[in-house]
Structures are given as structure tokens and as C-alpha cells.
Amino acid sequence: MGNRAIDCTALTIAIIGAINWGLIGLFRFNLVSFLLGDMTWLSRIVYGLVGLSGLYLITFYSQAHQPSTPV
């Protein structure tokens, strides 16, 4: 961790994925498929990025156990 730009990008992509899953769960509306098509190469890239962002954000748990240091 430590690269703030990558951290913020991963968090933003994960939030977009969470919103999409919320829309699917509540309204049966898949925003990614609506905007990019059903399993087109572009939508598959978006789904892949959401998955990779989620895996990357798992490393935030290791930071939760470390004491914060003043900047």
C-alpha cells in the first residue's frame, strides 16, 4: 500500500461495483450491461477491474491492525 492514487482508484472501482450489485439485487437492473452490453469485451474488462480492485482492497485489513502514524 502507500500509493494514494492506486488506493483511491481501487476504492472508486469497488464502490462502482457495489452500486451495480445493489442495483441488481434491488431492481434486477445491471448498469454495466445496460451501458456496455451483455458480456462484451468492454463489460468483461469492467467486471475484471472490479474483481481486481476488491482483491487489492483486502490488503487494507492489514493496515487496520497497525497503529496509525502522524503525517
N, C-alpha and C. Protein backbone atom coordinates (compact mmCIF):
# COMPACT_ATOMS: atom_id res chain seq x y z
N MET A 1 0.85 -1.17 0.00
CA MET A 1 0.00 0.00 0.00
C MET A 1 0.90 1.23 0.00
N GLY A 2 0.31 2.36 0.05
CA GLY A 2 1.10 3.56 0.12
C GLY A 2 0.92 4.48 -1.07
N ASN A 3 0.50 3.95 -2.20
CA ASN A 3 0.27 4.80 -3.36
C ASN A 3 -1.18 5.27 -3.31
N ARG A 4 -1.35 6.51 -2.92
CA ARG A 4 -2.69 7.05 -2.70
C ARG A 4 -3.54 7.03 -3.97
N ALA A 5 -2.95 7.28 -5.12
CA ALA A 5 -3.71 7.28 -6.38
C ALA A 5 -4.27 5.90 -6.67
N ILE A 6 -3.47 4.86 -6.48
CA ILE A 6 -3.94 3.49 -6.72
C ILE A 6 -5.00 3.12 -5.69
N ASP A 7 -4.77 3.51 -4.44
CA ASP A 7 -5.76 3.22 -3.39
C ASP A 7 -7.11 3.85 -3.71
N CYS A 8 -7.11 5.11 -4.09
CA CYS A 8 -8.36 5.82 -4.39
C CYS A 8 -9.03 5.26 -5.65
N THR A 9 -8.23 4.90 -6.64
CA THR A 9 -8.78 4.32 -7.87
C THR A 9 -9.44 2.97 -7.58
N ALA A 10 -8.74 2.13 -6.82
CA ALA A 10 -9.30 0.82 -6.47
C ALA A 10 -10.57 0.97 -5.65
N LEU A 11 -10.57 1.91 -4.72
CA LEU A 11 -11.76 2.13 -3.89
C LEU A 11 -12.93 2.63 -4.74
N THR A 12 -12.66 3.53 -5.67
CA THR A 12 -13.71 4.04 -6.55
C THR A 12 -14.30 2.94 -7.42
N ILE A 13 -13.44 2.10 -7.99
CA ILE A 13 -13.92 1.00 -8.83
C ILE A 13 -14.73 0.01 -8.00
N ALA A 14 -14.29 -0.28 -6.78
CA ALA A 14 -15.03 -1.20 -5.91
C ALA A 14 -16.39 -0.61 -5.53
N ILE A 15 -16.46 0.69 -5.30
CA ILE A 15 -17.74 1.34 -4.99
C ILE A 15 -18.67 1.25 -6.18
N ILE A 16 -18.16 1.46 -7.38
CA ILE A 16 -18.99 1.33 -8.59
C ILE A 16 -19.53 -0.10 -8.68
N GLY A 17 -18.69 -1.09 -8.41
CA GLY A 17 -19.13 -2.48 -8.42
C GLY A 17 -20.20 -2.75 -7.37
N ALA A 18 -20.02 -2.16 -6.19
CA ALA A 18 -21.00 -2.35 -5.12
C ALA A 18 -22.34 -1.72 -5.48
N ILE A 19 -22.30 -0.55 -6.09
CA ILE A 19 -23.55 0.10 -6.53
C ILE A 19 -24.23 -0.76 -7.59
N ASN A 20 -23.45 -1.30 -8.51
CA ASN A 20 -24.03 -2.15 -9.55
C ASN A 20 -24.70 -3.38 -8.93
N TRP A 21 -24.03 -4.02 -7.94
CA TRP A 21 -24.62 -5.18 -7.28
C TRP A 21 -25.87 -4.79 -6.50
N GLY A 22 -25.88 -3.61 -5.91
CA GLY A 22 -27.08 -3.14 -5.22
C GLY A 22 -28.24 -2.96 -6.19
N LEU A 23 -27.94 -2.41 -7.36
CA LEU A 23 -29.00 -2.25 -8.37
C LEU A 23 -29.52 -3.60 -8.86
N ILE A 24 -28.60 -4.55 -9.00
CA ILE A 24 -29.03 -5.90 -9.42
C ILE A 24 -29.90 -6.52 -8.35
N GLY A 25 -29.48 -6.42 -7.10
CA GLY A 25 -30.24 -7.03 -6.01
C GLY A 25 -31.59 -6.39 -5.77
N LEU A 26 -31.67 -5.08 -5.87
CA LEU A 26 -32.92 -4.39 -5.56
C LEU A 26 -33.88 -4.29 -6.75
N PHE A 27 -33.32 -4.06 -7.93
CA PHE A 27 -34.18 -3.75 -9.08
C PHE A 27 -33.99 -4.68 -10.28
N ARG A 28 -33.09 -5.67 -10.15
CA ARG A 28 -32.76 -6.55 -11.27
C ARG A 28 -32.29 -5.74 -12.48
N PHE A 29 -31.52 -4.70 -12.20
CA PHE A 29 -31.01 -3.81 -13.25
C PHE A 29 -29.49 -3.82 -13.19
N ASN A 30 -28.86 -4.32 -14.24
CA ASN A 30 -27.41 -4.37 -14.32
C ASN A 30 -26.93 -3.17 -15.11
N LEU A 31 -26.39 -2.19 -14.41
CA LEU A 31 -25.95 -0.94 -15.04
C LEU A 31 -24.81 -1.16 -16.03
N VAL A 32 -23.88 -2.05 -15.69
CA VAL A 32 -22.76 -2.31 -16.60
C VAL A 32 -23.26 -2.91 -17.91
N SER A 33 -24.14 -3.88 -17.84
CA SER A 33 -24.69 -4.47 -19.06
C SER A 33 -25.53 -3.46 -19.84
N PHE A 34 -26.24 -2.60 -19.12
CA PHE A 34 -27.05 -1.59 -19.78
C PHE A 34 -26.17 -0.61 -20.56
N LEU A 35 -25.07 -0.19 -19.96
CA LEU A 35 -24.20 0.80 -20.60
C LEU A 35 -23.25 0.20 -21.63
N LEU A 36 -22.74 -1.01 -21.38
CA LEU A 36 -21.67 -1.57 -22.21
C LEU A 36 -22.06 -2.81 -22.99
N GLY A 37 -23.24 -3.34 -22.74
CA GLY A 37 -23.67 -4.56 -23.43
C GLY A 37 -23.47 -5.77 -22.53
N ASP A 38 -24.19 -6.83 -22.86
CA ASP A 38 -24.16 -8.05 -22.06
C ASP A 38 -22.93 -8.88 -22.41
N MET A 39 -21.95 -8.88 -21.51
CA MET A 39 -20.71 -9.63 -21.62
C MET A 39 -19.92 -9.32 -22.89
N THR A 40 -19.87 -8.05 -23.25
CA THR A 40 -18.97 -7.61 -24.31
C THR A 40 -17.56 -7.59 -23.72
N TRP A 41 -16.57 -7.42 -24.56
CA TRP A 41 -15.20 -7.39 -24.05
C TRP A 41 -15.00 -6.21 -23.10
N LEU A 42 -15.69 -5.09 -23.36
CA LEU A 42 -15.55 -3.93 -22.50
C LEU A 42 -16.21 -4.16 -21.13
N SER A 43 -17.38 -4.78 -21.13
CA SER A 43 -18.03 -5.06 -19.85
C SER A 43 -17.23 -6.10 -19.06
N ARG A 44 -16.61 -7.04 -19.73
CA ARG A 44 -15.79 -8.04 -19.05
C ARG A 44 -14.56 -7.39 -18.42
N ILE A 45 -14.02 -6.37 -19.08
CA ILE A 45 -12.90 -5.63 -18.50
C ILE A 45 -13.34 -4.91 -17.23
N VAL A 46 -14.53 -4.29 -17.27
CA VAL A 46 -15.05 -3.61 -16.09
C VAL A 46 -15.24 -4.60 -14.95
N TYR A 47 -15.84 -5.75 -15.22
CA TYR A 47 -16.03 -6.76 -14.18
C TYR A 47 -14.68 -7.24 -13.64
N GLY A 48 -13.72 -7.42 -14.52
CA GLY A 48 -12.38 -7.82 -14.09
C GLY A 48 -11.72 -6.78 -13.21
N LEU A 49 -11.87 -5.51 -13.57
CA LEU A 49 -11.29 -4.43 -12.76
C LEU A 49 -11.94 -4.35 -11.38
N VAL A 50 -13.25 -4.57 -11.34
CA VAL A 50 -13.94 -4.57 -10.05
C VAL A 50 -13.42 -5.71 -9.18
N GLY A 51 -13.24 -6.88 -9.76
CA GLY A 51 -12.71 -8.02 -9.01
C GLY A 51 -11.29 -7.79 -8.53
N LEU A 52 -10.44 -7.26 -9.40
CA LEU A 52 -9.06 -6.97 -9.00
C LEU A 52 -9.00 -5.90 -7.92
N SER A 53 -9.87 -4.91 -8.03
CA SER A 53 -9.92 -3.86 -7.00
C SER A 53 -10.31 -4.45 -5.66
N GLY A 54 -11.29 -5.34 -5.67
CA GLY A 54 -11.69 -5.99 -4.42
C GLY A 54 -10.56 -6.79 -3.81
N LEU A 55 -9.82 -7.52 -4.64
CA LEU A 55 -8.68 -8.27 -4.13
C LEU A 55 -7.60 -7.35 -3.58
N TYR A 56 -7.36 -6.26 -4.26
CA TYR A 56 -6.38 -5.28 -3.80
C TYR A 56 -6.79 -4.66 -2.47
N LEU A 57 -8.07 -4.39 -2.32
CA LEU A 57 -8.56 -3.74 -1.11
C LEU A 57 -8.54 -4.67 0.11
N ILE A 58 -8.39 -5.96 -0.11
CA ILE A 58 -8.25 -6.89 1.00
C ILE A 58 -7.02 -6.52 1.82
N THR A 59 -6.01 -5.94 1.17
CA THR A 59 -4.79 -5.57 1.89
C THR A 59 -5.04 -4.45 2.90
N PHE A 60 -6.16 -3.76 2.80
CA PHE A 60 -6.49 -2.72 3.78
C PHE A 60 -6.69 -3.32 5.17
N TYR A 61 -7.06 -4.60 5.25
CA TYR A 61 -7.24 -5.24 6.55
C TYR A 61 -5.93 -5.29 7.32
N SER A 62 -4.81 -5.45 6.62
CA SER A 62 -3.53 -5.48 7.32
C SER A 62 -3.21 -4.10 7.90
N GLN A 63 -3.67 -3.03 7.26
CA GLN A 63 -3.45 -1.69 7.78
C GLN A 63 -4.34 -1.41 8.99
N ALA A 64 -5.46 -2.05 9.07
CA ALA A 64 -6.39 -1.82 10.18
C ALA A 64 -5.79 -2.27 11.51
N HIS A 65 -4.84 -3.18 11.47
CA HIS A 65 -4.24 -3.70 12.68
C HIS A 65 -2.95 -2.96 13.07
N GLN A 66 -2.51 -2.04 12.22
CA GLN A 66 -1.29 -1.29 12.51
C GLN A 66 -1.66 0.06 13.10
N PRO A 67 -0.91 0.52 14.08
CA PRO A 67 -1.20 1.85 14.63
C PRO A 67 -0.90 2.92 13.58
N SER A 68 -1.73 3.93 13.53
CA SER A 68 -1.52 4.99 12.54
C SER A 68 -0.36 5.88 12.99
N THR A 69 0.37 6.36 12.00
CA THR A 69 1.48 7.25 12.28
C THR A 69 1.13 8.64 11.78
N PRO A 70 1.51 9.66 12.52
CA PRO A 70 1.21 11.02 12.07
C PRO A 70 1.95 11.37 10.80
N VAL A 71 1.31 12.13 9.94
CA VAL A 71 1.92 12.50 8.66
C VAL A 71 2.65 13.81 8.79
